[in-house]
Amino acid sequence: MSQLMRLGHQVVPTLGGFSGVELLVRTPAGRQLEVVVRGVPDNGRWLVNEEPEGEMDQRFYVLLNYKRFEEARAYPMVFVMPASRAEGMKSERGRGKAIVFGSKKQCPPDLDRWAEAWAVIQ
């Protein structure tokens, strides 16, 4: 949320009011967007929304990977991508869907492309 605000966006947390979306965003150009935020303490997968999101141009994912979760000052690895790309990375994981990154075999090949890619949210 703070990074989006620093980039000039207006941001409001949904407080559970929107299914699967944590932030509502208005860009400096006036576009209204939804942001899904998922964070994990380096366990190898982000649980994601099960609904199909490939056609949702207004939805984006911010995925956080905390390498040192117990250290409050440690900054996570951050991946920012459109929901259409996140949709292509989803796989079945037990009772839901996830984006798996814990092993080279399962990691999406272009995940690094989305590292700190804040410019996609505009």
C-alpha atoms as a PDB file:
ATOM      1  CA  MET A   1       0.000   0.000   0.000  1.00  0.00           C
ATOM      2  CA  SER A   2       2.744   2.439   0.929  1.00  0.00           C
ATOM      3  CA  GLN A   3       4.677   1.805  -2.291  1.00  0.00           C
ATOM      4  CA  LEU A   4       1.588   2.487  -4.405  1.00  0.00           C
ATOM      5  CA  MET A   5       0.982   5.726  -2.505  1.00  0.00           C
ATOM      6  CA  ARG A   6       4.599   6.787  -3.051  1.00  0.00           C
ATOM      7  CA  LEU A   7       4.012   6.294  -6.791  1.00  0.00           C
ATOM      8  CA  GLY A   8       1.114   8.768  -6.695  1.00  0.00           C
ATOM      9  CA  HIS A   9      -1.837   6.383  -6.492  1.00  0.00           C
ATOM     10  CA  GLN A  10      -4.774   6.797  -4.120  1.00  0.00           C
ATOM     11  CA  VAL A  11      -5.126   3.544  -2.178  1.00  0.00           C
ATOM     12  CA  VAL A  12      -7.846   2.218   0.126  1.00  0.00           C
ATOM     13  CA  PRO A  13      -7.793  -1.156   1.918  1.00  0.00           C
ATOM     14  CA  THR A  14     -10.977  -3.166   1.353  1.00  0.00           C
ATOM     15  CA  LEU A  15     -11.133  -4.559   4.915  1.00  0.00           C
ATOM     16  CA  GLY A  16     -12.754  -7.726   3.588  1.00  0.00           C
ATOM     17  CA  GLY A  17     -15.401  -5.911   1.580  1.00  0.00           C
ATOM     18  CA  PHE A  18     -14.263  -7.329  -1.770  1.00  0.00           C
ATOM     19  CA  SER A  19     -13.813 -11.033  -2.351  1.00  0.00           C
ATOM     20  CA  GLY A  20     -10.122 -11.810  -2.822  1.00  0.00           C
ATOM     21  CA  VAL A  21      -9.010  -8.186  -3.208  1.00  0.00           C
ATOM     22  CA  GLU A  22      -7.078  -6.290  -0.535  1.00  0.00           C
ATOM     23  CA  LEU A  23      -6.647  -2.841  -2.084  1.00  0.00           C
ATOM     24  CA  LEU A  24      -8.653  -0.495  -4.280  1.00  0.00           C
ATOM     25  CA  VAL A  25      -6.484   1.889  -6.273  1.00  0.00           C
ATOM     26  CA  ARG A  26      -7.079   5.026  -8.312  1.00  0.00           C
ATOM     27  CA  THR A  27      -4.145   5.870 -10.543  1.00  0.00           C
ATOM     28  CA  PRO A  28      -3.010   9.449 -11.201  1.00  0.00           C
ATOM     29  CA  ALA A  29      -4.738   9.101 -14.611  1.00  0.00           C
ATOM     30  CA  GLY A  30      -8.027   8.219 -12.853  1.00  0.00           C
ATOM     31  CA  ARG A  31      -8.129   4.503 -13.647  1.00  0.00           C
ATOM     32  CA  GLN A  32      -9.728   2.355 -10.915  1.00  0.00           C
ATOM     33  CA  LEU A  33      -7.899  -0.895 -10.122  1.00  0.00           C
ATOM     34  CA  GLU A  34      -8.004  -3.831  -7.704  1.00  0.00           C
ATOM     35  CA  VAL A  35      -4.893  -5.271  -6.067  1.00  0.00           C
ATOM     36  CA  VAL A  36      -4.589  -8.748  -4.599  1.00  0.00           C
ATOM     37  CA  VAL A  37      -1.770  -8.975  -2.031  1.00  0.00           C
ATOM     38  CA  ARG A  38      -0.269 -12.282  -0.909  1.00  0.00           C
ATOM     39  CA  GLY A  39       2.702 -12.721   1.406  1.00  0.00           C
ATOM     40  CA  VAL A  40       4.531 -15.844   2.512  1.00  0.00           C
ATOM     41  CA  PRO A  41       7.504 -16.553   4.774  1.00  0.00           C
ATOM     42  CA  ASP A  42       9.507 -18.331   2.044  1.00  0.00           C
ATOM     43  CA  ASN A  43       7.401 -21.495   2.039  1.00  0.00           C
ATOM     44  CA  GLY A  44       7.388 -21.940  -1.713  1.00  0.00           C
ATOM     45  CA  ARG A  45       3.852 -20.960  -2.751  1.00  0.00           C
ATOM     46  CA  TRP A  46       1.385 -18.129  -2.710  1.00  0.00           C
ATOM     47  CA  LEU A  47      -2.258 -19.133  -2.290  1.00  0.00           C
ATOM     48  CA  VAL A  48      -4.263 -17.235  -4.903  1.00  0.00           C
ATOM     49  CA  ASN A  49      -7.876 -16.675  -5.891  1.00  0.00           C
ATOM     50  CA  GLU A  50      -9.532 -19.722  -7.426  1.00  0.00           C
ATOM     51  CA  GLU A  51     -11.795 -17.736  -9.733  1.00  0.00           C
ATOM     52  CA  PRO A  52     -10.622 -17.224 -13.337  1.00  0.00           C
ATOM     53  CA  GLU A  53      -8.945 -13.795 -13.519  1.00  0.00           C
ATOM     54  CA  GLY A  54      -7.393 -13.813 -16.985  1.00  0.00           C
ATOM     55  CA  GLU A  55      -9.880 -11.294 -18.393  1.00  0.00           C
ATOM     56  CA  MET A  56      -9.731  -8.874 -15.448  1.00  0.00           C
ATOM     57  CA  ASP A  57      -7.735  -5.929 -16.846  1.00  0.00           C
ATOM     58  CA  GLN A  58      -8.317  -3.903 -13.686  1.00  0.00           C
ATOM     59  CA  ARG A  59      -6.847  -6.539 -11.329  1.00  0.00           C
ATOM     60  CA  PHE A  60      -3.193  -6.895 -10.326  1.00  0.00           C
ATOM     61  CA  TYR A  61      -1.231  -9.124  -7.962  1.00  0.00           C
ATOM     62  CA  VAL A  62       1.474  -8.053  -5.511  1.00  0.00           C
ATOM     63  CA  LEU A  63       3.259 -11.158  -4.234  1.00  0.00           C
ATOM     64  CA  LEU A  64       5.614 -10.866  -1.250  1.00  0.00           C
ATOM     65  CA  ASN A  65       8.264 -13.403  -0.310  1.00  0.00           C
ATOM     66  CA  TYR A  66       9.748 -12.797   3.140  1.00  0.00           C
ATOM     67  CA  LYS A  67      13.149 -14.503   3.289  1.00  0.00           C
ATOM     68  CA  ARG A  68      13.600 -13.435   6.928  1.00  0.00           C
ATOM     69  CA  PHE A  69      10.000 -13.236   8.117  1.00  0.00           C
ATOM     70  CA  GLU A  70      10.881 -12.950  11.808  1.00  0.00           C
ATOM     71  CA  GLU A  71      12.953  -9.791  11.207  1.00  0.00           C
ATOM     72  CA  ALA A  72      10.562  -6.839  11.249  1.00  0.00           C
ATOM     73  CA  ARG A  73      12.951  -4.608   9.281  1.00  0.00           C
ATOM     74  CA  ALA A  74      13.645  -7.150   6.521  1.00  0.00           C
ATOM     75  CA  TYR A  75      12.184  -6.126   3.161  1.00  0.00           C
ATOM     76  CA  PRO A  76      10.510  -8.920   1.171  1.00  0.00           C
ATOM     77  CA  MET A  77      11.110  -9.862  -2.449  1.00  0.00           C
ATOM     78  CA  VAL A  78       8.200  -8.258  -4.312  1.00  0.00           C
ATOM     79  CA  PHE A  79       6.617  -9.414  -7.575  1.00  0.00           C
ATOM     80  CA  VAL A  80       3.995  -7.225  -9.277  1.00  0.00           C
ATOM     81  CA  MET A  81       1.983  -8.508 -12.224  1.00  0.00           C
ATOM     82  CA  PRO A  82      -1.352  -8.254 -13.996  1.00  0.00           C
ATOM     83  CA  ALA A  83      -3.965 -10.835 -13.007  1.00  0.00           C
ATOM     84  CA  SER A  84      -3.834 -12.208 -16.557  1.00  0.00           C
ATOM     85  CA  ARG A  85      -0.214 -13.279 -15.984  1.00  0.00           C
ATOM     86  CA  ALA A  86      -0.933 -14.577 -12.481  1.00  0.00           C
ATOM     87  CA  GLU A  87      -3.735 -16.673 -14.001  1.00  0.00           C
ATOM     88  CA  GLY A  88      -1.206 -18.393 -16.251  1.00  0.00           C
ATOM     89  CA  MET A  89       0.974 -19.243 -13.236  1.00  0.00           C
ATOM     90  CA  LYS A  90      -1.774 -20.792 -11.105  1.00  0.00           C
ATOM     91  CA  SER A  91      -1.693 -24.505 -10.358  1.00  0.00           C
ATOM     92  CA  GLU A  92      -3.833 -26.833  -8.252  1.00  0.00           C
ATOM     93  CA  ARG A  93      -2.504 -27.160  -4.700  1.00  0.00           C
ATOM     94  CA  GLY A  94      -4.508 -29.276  -2.292  1.00  0.00           C
ATOM     95  CA  ARG A  95      -7.740 -27.429  -1.557  1.00  0.00           C
ATOM     96  CA  GLY A  96      -7.057 -24.420  -3.732  1.00  0.00           C
ATOM     97  CA  LYS A  97      -4.842 -22.764  -6.288  1.00  0.00           C
ATOM     98  CA  ALA A  98      -1.359 -21.434  -5.797  1.00  0.00           C
ATOM     99  CA  ILE A  99       1.586 -19.909  -7.597  1.00  0.00           C
ATOM    100  CA  VAL A 100       4.488 -22.179  -6.733  1.00  0.00           C
ATOM    101  CA  PHE A 101       8.019 -20.799  -6.620  1.00  0.00           C
ATOM    102  CA  GLY A 102       9.847 -23.001  -4.134  1.00  0.00           C
ATOM    103  CA  SER A 103      11.641 -25.236  -6.635  1.00  0.00           C
ATOM    104  CA  LYS A 104      13.182 -24.573 -10.048  1.00  0.00           C
ATOM    105  CA  LYS A 105      10.992 -27.296 -11.550  1.00  0.00           C
ATOM    106  CA  GLN A 106       7.750 -25.648 -10.434  1.00  0.00           C
ATOM    107  CA  CYS A 107       8.724 -21.967 -10.539  1.00  0.00           C
ATOM    108  CA  PRO A 108       7.185 -19.977 -13.415  1.00  0.00           C
ATOM    109  CA  PRO A 109      10.011 -19.303 -15.901  1.00  0.00           C
ATOM    110  CA  ASP A 110       9.328 -15.564 -16.103  1.00  0.00           C
ATOM    111  CA  LEU A 111       8.761 -14.850 -12.402  1.00  0.00           C
ATOM    112  CA  ASP A 112      11.922 -12.722 -12.167  1.00  0.00           C
ATOM    113  CA  ARG A 113      10.553 -10.448 -14.894  1.00  0.00           C
ATOM    114  CA  TRP A 114       7.911  -9.267 -12.434  1.00  0.00           C
ATOM    115  CA  ALA A 115      10.333  -8.428  -9.584  1.00  0.00           C
ATOM    116  CA  GLU A 116       9.579  -4.874  -8.381  1.00  0.00           C
ATOM    117  CA  ALA A 117       7.569  -4.265 -11.584  1.00  0.00           C
ATOM    118  CA  TRP A 118       5.479  -1.479 -10.041  1.00  0.00           C
ATOM    119  CA  ALA A 119       5.172   0.283 -13.404  1.00  0.00           C
ATOM    120  CA  VAL A 120       2.566  -2.285 -14.564  1.00  0.00           C
ATOM    121  CA  ILE A 121       0.067  -0.742 -12.125  1.00  0.00           C
ATOM    122  CA  GLN A 122      -0.991   2.392 -13.962  1.00  0.00           C
END
